[in-house]
Amino acid sequence: MKPGTSLEITLTGKNLTDPTGVLATFPCQATIPTDNKNGQDAGKLRVQLQVPAGAPLGYHGLRLATKNGMSNL
């Protein structure tokens, strides 16, 4: 994603219910929308990311924290 923009992404996998936060290796504000029962489906989760204009370019990682633990990077 381009610095200075926002983007909604959908994470897919297993055990994605009961999210508590997002850890990113780049500066961003990550929020987990609560509409449409988001966070209750074990297989997918929508996350909204806002990256400031001065964020560095490159490859970065993202992890999801849930009540059951942390995802892989």
N, C-alpha and C. Protein backbone atom coordinates (compact mmCIF):
# COMPACT_ATOMS: atom_id res chain seq x y z
N MET A 1 0.84 -1.18 0.00
CA MET A 1 0.00 0.00 0.00
C MET A 1 0.88 1.23 0.00
N LYS A 2 0.36 2.30 -0.48
CA LYS A 2 1.10 3.55 -0.64
C LYS A 2 1.06 4.35 0.67
N PRO A 3 2.22 4.88 1.12
CA PRO A 3 2.22 5.73 2.31
C PRO A 3 1.24 6.90 2.14
N GLY A 4 0.57 7.25 3.24
CA GLY A 4 -0.40 8.33 3.22
C GLY A 4 -1.79 7.90 2.81
N THR A 5 -2.03 6.58 2.77
CA THR A 5 -3.35 6.08 2.37
C THR A 5 -3.90 5.13 3.43
N SER A 6 -5.14 4.74 3.23
CA SER A 6 -5.75 3.72 4.08
C SER A 6 -6.24 2.59 3.19
N LEU A 7 -6.34 1.41 3.77
CA LEU A 7 -6.72 0.23 3.01
C LEU A 7 -7.37 -0.77 3.95
N GLU A 8 -8.44 -1.40 3.48
CA GLU A 8 -9.04 -2.49 4.25
C GLU A 8 -8.57 -3.79 3.63
N ILE A 9 -8.01 -4.67 4.46
CA ILE A 9 -7.54 -5.97 4.00
C ILE A 9 -8.36 -7.05 4.69
N THR A 10 -8.38 -8.24 4.10
CA THR A 10 -9.04 -9.38 4.71
C THR A 10 -7.99 -10.45 4.97
N LEU A 11 -7.81 -10.76 6.25
CA LEU A 11 -6.89 -11.84 6.64
C LEU A 11 -7.66 -13.15 6.55
N THR A 12 -7.02 -14.19 6.06
CA THR A 12 -7.63 -15.51 5.99
C THR A 12 -6.73 -16.52 6.66
N GLY A 13 -7.33 -17.56 7.20
CA GLY A 13 -6.57 -18.60 7.89
C GLY A 13 -7.44 -19.36 8.85
N LYS A 14 -6.89 -19.63 10.03
CA LYS A 14 -7.61 -20.37 11.08
C LYS A 14 -7.52 -19.60 12.39
N ASN A 15 -8.47 -19.83 13.26
CA ASN A 15 -8.46 -19.27 14.62
C ASN A 15 -8.39 -17.74 14.63
N LEU A 16 -9.13 -17.08 13.76
CA LEU A 16 -9.11 -15.63 13.68
C LEU A 16 -10.20 -14.97 14.52
N THR A 17 -10.93 -15.75 15.30
CA THR A 17 -11.99 -15.18 16.15
C THR A 17 -11.40 -14.48 17.36
N ASP A 18 -12.17 -13.60 17.93
CA ASP A 18 -11.80 -12.83 19.13
C ASP A 18 -10.48 -12.09 18.98
N PRO A 19 -10.33 -11.25 17.94
CA PRO A 19 -9.09 -10.50 17.76
C PRO A 19 -8.93 -9.44 18.85
N THR A 20 -7.68 -9.21 19.26
CA THR A 20 -7.40 -8.18 20.27
C THR A 20 -6.51 -7.08 19.74
N GLY A 21 -5.82 -7.30 18.62
CA GLY A 21 -4.96 -6.26 18.07
C GLY A 21 -4.15 -6.74 16.89
N VAL A 22 -3.45 -5.79 16.28
CA VAL A 22 -2.61 -6.07 15.12
C VAL A 22 -1.23 -5.48 15.40
N LEU A 23 -0.19 -6.25 15.10
CA LEU A 23 1.20 -5.80 15.24
C LEU A 23 1.78 -5.71 13.84
N ALA A 24 2.32 -4.55 13.47
CA ALA A 24 2.91 -4.35 12.15
C ALA A 24 4.36 -3.93 12.30
N THR A 25 5.19 -4.29 11.32
CA THR A 25 6.59 -3.90 11.33
C THR A 25 6.80 -2.57 10.61
N PHE A 26 5.73 -1.84 10.39
CA PHE A 26 5.77 -0.53 9.75
C PHE A 26 4.83 0.38 10.53
N PRO A 27 5.03 1.69 10.47
CA PRO A 27 4.13 2.58 11.20
C PRO A 27 2.73 2.58 10.58
N CYS A 28 1.75 2.30 11.39
CA CYS A 28 0.36 2.33 10.91
C CYS A 28 -0.58 2.36 12.09
N GLN A 29 -1.80 2.75 11.79
CA GLN A 29 -2.89 2.63 12.76
C GLN A 29 -3.78 1.53 12.23
N ALA A 30 -3.89 0.45 12.98
CA ALA A 30 -4.70 -0.70 12.56
C ALA A 30 -5.93 -0.78 13.45
N THR A 31 -7.08 -0.89 12.81
CA THR A 31 -8.33 -1.07 13.54
C THR A 31 -9.07 -2.28 12.97
N ILE A 32 -9.82 -2.92 13.84
CA ILE A 32 -10.60 -4.10 13.45
C ILE A 32 -12.07 -3.71 13.51
N PRO A 33 -12.71 -3.54 12.35
CA PRO A 33 -14.13 -3.17 12.35
C PRO A 33 -14.98 -4.21 13.07
N THR A 34 -16.04 -3.77 13.72
CA THR A 34 -16.90 -4.68 14.47
C THR A 34 -18.25 -4.89 13.79
N ASP A 35 -18.45 -4.28 12.61
CA ASP A 35 -19.72 -4.45 11.91
C ASP A 35 -19.80 -5.81 11.22
N ASN A 36 -21.00 -6.22 10.87
CA ASN A 36 -21.24 -7.46 10.12
C ASN A 36 -20.59 -8.70 10.76
N LYS A 37 -20.56 -8.74 12.08
CA LYS A 37 -20.01 -9.87 12.84
C LYS A 37 -18.54 -10.14 12.53
N ASN A 38 -17.81 -9.08 12.13
CA ASN A 38 -16.37 -9.23 11.91
C ASN A 38 -15.71 -9.65 13.22
N GLY A 39 -14.82 -10.62 13.17
CA GLY A 39 -14.15 -11.12 14.36
C GLY A 39 -14.81 -12.37 14.93
N GLN A 40 -15.90 -12.81 14.31
CA GLN A 40 -16.58 -14.01 14.78
C GLN A 40 -16.39 -15.19 13.83
N ASP A 41 -15.83 -14.95 12.66
CA ASP A 41 -15.58 -16.00 11.68
C ASP A 41 -14.14 -16.48 11.86
N ALA A 42 -13.96 -17.76 12.13
CA ALA A 42 -12.62 -18.31 12.39
C ALA A 42 -11.73 -18.29 11.16
N GLY A 43 -12.31 -18.13 9.96
CA GLY A 43 -11.54 -18.22 8.72
C GLY A 43 -11.17 -16.92 8.06
N LYS A 44 -11.81 -15.80 8.46
CA LYS A 44 -11.46 -14.52 7.83
C LYS A 44 -11.75 -13.37 8.78
N LEU A 45 -10.99 -12.30 8.59
CA LEU A 45 -11.10 -11.12 9.44
C LEU A 45 -10.73 -9.89 8.63
N ARG A 46 -11.58 -8.86 8.67
CA ARG A 46 -11.26 -7.59 8.02
C ARG A 46 -10.49 -6.69 8.97
N VAL A 47 -9.45 -6.03 8.43
CA VAL A 47 -8.62 -5.10 9.20
C VAL A 47 -8.44 -3.83 8.38
N GLN A 48 -8.60 -2.69 9.02
CA GLN A 48 -8.41 -1.39 8.37
C GLN A 48 -7.04 -0.85 8.76
N LEU A 49 -6.20 -0.51 7.76
CA LEU A 49 -4.87 0.03 8.00
C LEU A 49 -4.79 1.46 7.48
N GLN A 50 -4.19 2.36 8.27
CA GLN A 50 -3.91 3.73 7.85
C GLN A 50 -2.42 3.94 8.03
N VAL A 51 -1.73 4.23 6.93
CA VAL A 51 -0.28 4.40 6.94
C VAL A 51 0.05 5.88 6.73
N PRO A 52 0.89 6.46 7.60
CA PRO A 52 1.22 7.88 7.45
C PRO A 52 2.06 8.13 6.19
N ALA A 53 2.04 9.38 5.74
CA ALA A 53 2.74 9.76 4.51
C ALA A 53 4.25 9.49 4.58
N GLY A 54 4.86 9.57 5.73
CA GLY A 54 6.30 9.38 5.84
C GLY A 54 6.75 7.95 6.08
N ALA A 55 5.87 7.00 5.97
CA ALA A 55 6.21 5.59 6.23
C ALA A 55 7.24 5.10 5.21
N PRO A 56 8.21 4.27 5.67
CA PRO A 56 9.23 3.77 4.74
C PRO A 56 8.67 2.75 3.77
N LEU A 57 9.19 2.76 2.55
CA LEU A 57 8.81 1.78 1.55
C LEU A 57 9.54 0.47 1.79
N GLY A 58 8.99 -0.63 1.32
CA GLY A 58 9.65 -1.92 1.44
C GLY A 58 8.67 -3.00 1.82
N TYR A 59 9.23 -4.19 2.05
CA TYR A 59 8.42 -5.33 2.49
C TYR A 59 8.32 -5.30 4.00
N HIS A 60 7.13 -5.51 4.51
CA HIS A 60 6.89 -5.44 5.95
C HIS A 60 6.01 -6.61 6.37
N GLY A 61 5.96 -6.84 7.67
CA GLY A 61 5.16 -7.94 8.21
C GLY A 61 3.99 -7.46 9.03
N LEU A 62 3.07 -8.39 9.26
CA LEU A 62 1.85 -8.11 10.01
C LEU A 62 1.51 -9.35 10.82
N ARG A 63 1.14 -9.17 12.09
CA ARG A 63 0.70 -10.28 12.94
C ARG A 63 -0.62 -9.91 13.59
N LEU A 64 -1.43 -10.92 13.82
CA LEU A 64 -2.72 -10.72 14.47
C LEU A 64 -2.68 -11.34 15.86
N ALA A 65 -3.13 -10.59 16.85
CA ALA A 65 -3.27 -11.11 18.21
C ALA A 65 -4.74 -11.41 18.46
N THR A 66 -5.01 -12.59 19.03
CA THR A 66 -6.37 -12.96 19.43
C THR A 66 -6.33 -13.39 20.89
N LYS A 67 -7.47 -13.68 21.44
CA LYS A 67 -7.52 -14.17 22.82
C LYS A 67 -6.83 -15.52 22.97
N ASN A 68 -6.58 -16.19 21.84
CA ASN A 68 -5.94 -17.51 21.87
C ASN A 68 -4.46 -17.47 21.51
N GLY A 69 -3.90 -16.29 21.21
CA GLY A 69 -2.47 -16.20 20.90
C GLY A 69 -2.19 -15.32 19.70
N MET A 70 -0.94 -15.43 19.18
CA MET A 70 -0.47 -14.61 18.07
C MET A 70 -0.34 -15.44 16.80
N SER A 71 -0.60 -14.80 15.67
CA SER A 71 -0.41 -15.46 14.38
C SER A 71 1.06 -15.47 14.00
N ASN A 72 1.39 -16.21 12.98
CA ASN A 72 2.74 -16.15 12.41
C ASN A 72 2.91 -14.82 11.71
N LEU A 73 4.16 -14.43 11.47
CA LEU A 73 4.47 -13.19 10.76
C LEU A 73 4.07 -13.30 9.31
